[in-house]
Each structure stands twice: as structure tokens, then as C-alpha cells.
Amino acid sequence: MQLELKSRWVFAGFALIPLALLAEALVLQHLKGQAPCPLCVLQRAAFLLVALIALVAAFRAPRRRGAAGYCAALALVSLTGLGVAIRHVWVLYHPKFGCGIDLLEEFVNRLPTAKLLPWLFHASGECTAQHDPVLGLQVPEWSIIWFSLLALAAILFAAKCLSAARAGAAA
């Protein structure tokens, strides 16, 4: 019972973080005029998927192995987002290899999410655009930090859930 209550709050925290980051992305886009590029949109999609998985897990309040399974999904999506963010930072520092207006933008803008939620998922910016830093870092650099923290936290919580499952099986 104790792990079930704790997992509900942990997963709620996993949902709250990416939702807050998406809210900040919308502020930067709609109030500060920073148009998202295709790589930004893919990072947003990863943050939203982390939040959705975490919300489902928070409502279901899984125990032990079930919680570890949700954590594995969170870690996998976070690591995918981390890969996109790393690529984006690389493009920022190597602008001649930027994605610009290319096949990636066409692909991202043809996805159902871009049609359903264009205010969140429509790519219209350049990946090489240098915007004003937020607390000294570019947005994709912040994404690297947050995706890393989310993945690490998911892995650690999964390990805790699995050790609780082993302890419960041994008892």
C-alpha cells in the first residue's frame, strides 16, 4: 500500500515537470516570438508523451513491477527526447549542418499532432536560430538537462520498484 501511494505522487511529479516545460515553450513561442523548429517540435512531443505516460501511471497507481514498467517507458521516451535535444545542440553549434526548411519540417508538419494542435506542434522556425538564452542556456541545452534528469529519475524509481517486488516475493 505504501509504494502504491508513493508511486501515485512520483508519477504526478513526472507529469508536472514536462507540462511546466511545455508551458514555458508556449510562452517563448507565443509571447516572445520564438518560432519552434522541427527539432523543437520533436522535443515537445517527447515531453508531452512523458507527461501522458506519467498521468496514466498516476491515475492507475501501479505497484512494483507495474510501476517499473511505466518507469521503463518514461526512461525510453526521455532518452529519445535527449537524443533529439543533443542533435539540436549540435546543429546550433554547427549551423552549416542545420535542418532549416527541409524534409524534417515537412514531415513534422504533416503529422496528425501538427494538424490537431498547430499552436503547439507546427514547426516554422530554423534549427540554427540563436534565441536569447534562458538563464545562460539555449532552450535545447535546457532540454538536455531535463530529459537527462527525467530519464535518471525514471531508472532509479524503476530500480526501487523492482527491489520492492523482489523483497515482496521473498517475504
Protein backbone atom coordinates (compact mmCIF):
# COMPACT_ATOMS: atom_id res chain seq x y z
CA MET A 1 0.00 0.00 0.00
CA GLN A 2 2.81 2.42 0.87
CA LEU A 3 4.52 2.00 -2.52
CA GLU A 4 1.17 2.44 -4.28
CA LEU A 5 0.58 5.82 -2.61
CA LYS A 6 4.15 6.88 -3.20
CA SER A 7 4.07 5.85 -6.87
CA ARG A 8 0.98 7.98 -7.46
CA TRP A 9 2.84 11.08 -6.23
CA VAL A 10 6.05 10.21 -8.02
CA PHE A 11 4.23 9.80 -11.32
CA ALA A 12 2.31 13.03 -10.72
CA GLY A 13 5.70 14.75 -10.37
CA PHE A 14 6.86 13.09 -13.58
CA ALA A 15 3.82 14.61 -15.31
CA LEU A 16 4.12 18.07 -13.77
CA ILE A 17 7.70 18.72 -14.89
CA PRO A 18 7.23 18.27 -18.66
CA LEU A 19 3.88 20.08 -18.55
CA ALA A 20 5.59 23.08 -16.94
CA LEU A 21 8.34 22.92 -19.57
CA LEU A 22 5.74 22.84 -22.35
CA ALA A 23 4.02 25.85 -20.80
CA GLU A 24 7.33 27.72 -20.88
CA ALA A 25 7.84 26.69 -24.51
CA LEU A 26 4.44 28.17 -25.34
CA VAL A 27 5.35 31.40 -23.55
CA LEU A 28 8.56 31.62 -25.57
CA GLN A 29 6.69 30.90 -28.78
CA HIS A 30 3.56 33.00 -28.41
CA LEU A 31 4.71 35.85 -26.17
CA LYS A 32 8.38 36.17 -27.12
CA GLY A 33 8.10 35.25 -30.81
CA GLN A 34 10.48 32.28 -30.82
CA ALA A 35 9.08 30.03 -33.57
CA PRO A 36 9.74 26.32 -32.96
CA CYS A 37 11.87 24.42 -35.44
CA PRO A 38 11.28 20.75 -36.36
CA LEU A 39 13.71 19.56 -33.67
CA CYS A 40 11.93 21.76 -31.09
CA VAL A 41 8.61 20.21 -32.07
CA LEU A 42 10.02 16.69 -31.69
CA GLN A 43 11.30 17.60 -28.22
CA ARG A 44 7.88 19.00 -27.33
CA ALA A 45 6.30 15.74 -28.48
CA ALA A 46 8.67 13.77 -26.25
CA PHE A 47 7.87 15.99 -23.25
CA LEU A 48 4.14 15.59 -23.90
CA LEU A 49 4.49 11.81 -24.21
CA VAL A 50 6.40 11.69 -20.90
CA ALA A 51 3.59 13.69 -19.29
CA LEU A 52 0.87 11.46 -20.74
CA ILE A 53 2.57 8.24 -19.66
CA ALA A 54 3.11 9.68 -16.19
CA LEU A 55 -0.52 10.84 -15.92
CA VAL A 56 -1.80 7.39 -16.84
CA ALA A 57 0.54 5.86 -14.28
CA ALA A 58 -0.52 8.38 -11.62
CA PHE A 59 -4.19 7.53 -12.15
CA ARG A 60 -3.56 3.79 -12.17
CA ALA A 61 -1.13 3.90 -9.20
CA PRO A 62 0.68 0.72 -10.23
CA ARG A 63 2.64 -1.31 -7.73
CA ARG A 64 6.11 -2.78 -8.01
CA ARG A 65 6.57 -4.40 -11.43
CA GLY A 66 3.78 -2.32 -12.99
CA ALA A 67 5.40 0.89 -11.74
CA ALA A 68 8.75 -0.32 -13.05
CA GLY A 69 7.16 -0.88 -16.46
CA TYR A 70 5.83 2.67 -16.55
CA CYS A 71 9.26 3.91 -15.46
CA ALA A 72 10.87 1.97 -18.30
CA ALA A 73 8.51 3.69 -20.76
CA LEU A 74 9.30 7.08 -19.20
CA ALA A 75 13.02 6.41 -19.43
CA LEU A 76 12.77 5.27 -23.06
CA VAL A 77 10.82 8.38 -24.14
CA SER A 78 13.14 10.64 -22.12
CA LEU A 79 16.21 9.10 -23.74
CA THR A 80 14.64 9.57 -27.17
CA GLY A 81 13.98 13.23 -26.38
CA LEU A 82 17.52 13.51 -25.08
CA GLY A 83 18.86 12.25 -28.42
CA VAL A 84 16.82 14.85 -30.30
CA ALA A 85 18.00 17.60 -27.93
CA ILE A 86 21.63 16.56 -28.34
CA ARG A 87 21.23 16.69 -32.11
CA HIS A 88 19.63 20.14 -31.80
CA VAL A 89 22.51 21.50 -29.71
CA TRP A 90 24.97 20.06 -32.22
CA VAL A 91 23.10 21.85 -35.02
CA LEU A 92 23.17 25.11 -33.03
CA TYR A 93 26.95 24.96 -32.81
CA HIS A 94 27.40 23.72 -36.39
CA PRO A 95 24.98 25.95 -38.32
CA LYS A 96 26.11 24.87 -41.77
CA PHE A 97 24.59 21.44 -40.97
CA GLY A 98 21.26 22.92 -39.82
CA CYS A 99 17.93 21.38 -40.61
CA GLY A 100 16.33 24.62 -41.83
CA ILE A 101 13.33 24.27 -44.12
CA ASP A 102 13.76 20.74 -45.32
CA LEU A 103 12.22 17.30 -45.31
CA LEU A 104 12.19 17.13 -41.50
CA GLU A 105 9.98 20.22 -41.29
CA GLU A 106 7.62 18.82 -43.93
CA PHE A 107 7.48 15.51 -42.08
CA VAL A 108 6.79 17.14 -38.69
CA ASN A 109 4.13 19.45 -40.12
CA ARG A 110 2.32 16.53 -41.77
CA LEU A 111 1.99 14.59 -38.51
CA PRO A 112 -1.52 14.45 -37.03
CA THR A 113 -0.33 16.34 -33.96
CA ALA A 114 0.61 19.36 -36.10
CA LYS A 115 -2.87 19.35 -37.58
CA LEU A 116 -4.71 18.82 -34.26
CA LEU A 117 -2.59 21.18 -32.14
CA PRO A 118 -0.81 23.57 -34.52
CA TRP A 119 -0.23 26.13 -31.74
CA LEU A 120 2.00 23.52 -30.06
CA PHE A 121 3.33 21.24 -32.80
CA HIS A 122 3.68 23.26 -36.01
CA ALA A 123 7.32 23.82 -36.98
CA SER A 124 8.06 27.18 -38.55
CA GLY A 125 11.49 28.15 -37.25
CA GLU A 126 15.11 27.49 -38.13
CA CYS A 127 17.01 24.93 -36.06
CA THR A 128 20.11 27.12 -36.21
CA ALA A 129 18.33 30.22 -34.86
CA GLN A 130 20.06 31.57 -31.78
CA HIS A 131 17.44 32.96 -29.41
CA ASP A 132 18.02 34.83 -26.19
CA PRO A 133 19.36 32.36 -23.62
CA VAL A 134 17.26 31.40 -20.63
CA LEU A 135 19.44 31.67 -17.52
CA GLY A 136 22.52 31.43 -19.73
CA LEU A 137 21.50 28.37 -21.76
CA GLN A 138 19.71 27.87 -25.06
CA VAL A 139 16.37 26.03 -24.88
CA PRO A 140 17.74 22.76 -26.37
CA GLU A 141 20.52 22.81 -23.75
CA TRP A 142 17.83 23.01 -21.07
CA SER A 143 16.09 20.12 -22.79
CA ILE A 144 19.24 18.03 -22.45
CA ILE A 145 19.30 18.72 -18.72
CA TRP A 146 15.60 17.97 -18.19
CA PHE A 147 15.49 14.85 -20.36
CA SER A 148 18.59 13.56 -18.54
CA LEU A 149 17.04 14.20 -15.14
CA LEU A 150 13.75 12.59 -16.14
CA ALA A 151 15.49 9.52 -17.54
CA LEU A 152 17.73 9.16 -14.50
CA ALA A 153 14.82 9.58 -12.07
CA ALA A 154 12.74 7.02 -14.00
CA ILE A 155 15.58 4.50 -13.95
CA LEU A 156 16.17 4.99 -10.23
CA PHE A 157 12.48 4.69 -9.37
CA ALA A 158 12.21 1.57 -11.56
CA ALA A 159 15.11 0.03 -9.65
CA LYS A 160 13.41 0.84 -6.35
CA CYS A 161 10.13 -0.69 -7.55
CA LEU A 162 11.87 -3.84 -8.75
CA SER A 163 13.75 -4.25 -5.47
CA ALA A 164 10.42 -3.85 -3.62
CA ALA A 165 8.95 -6.53 -5.90
CA ARG A 166 11.84 -8.88 -5.12
CA ALA A 167 11.50 -8.19 -1.39
CA GLY A 168 7.74 -8.82 -1.59
CA ALA A 169 8.27 -12.08 -3.45
CA ALA A 170 10.83 -13.25 -0.90
CA ALA A 171 8.57 -12.46 2.06
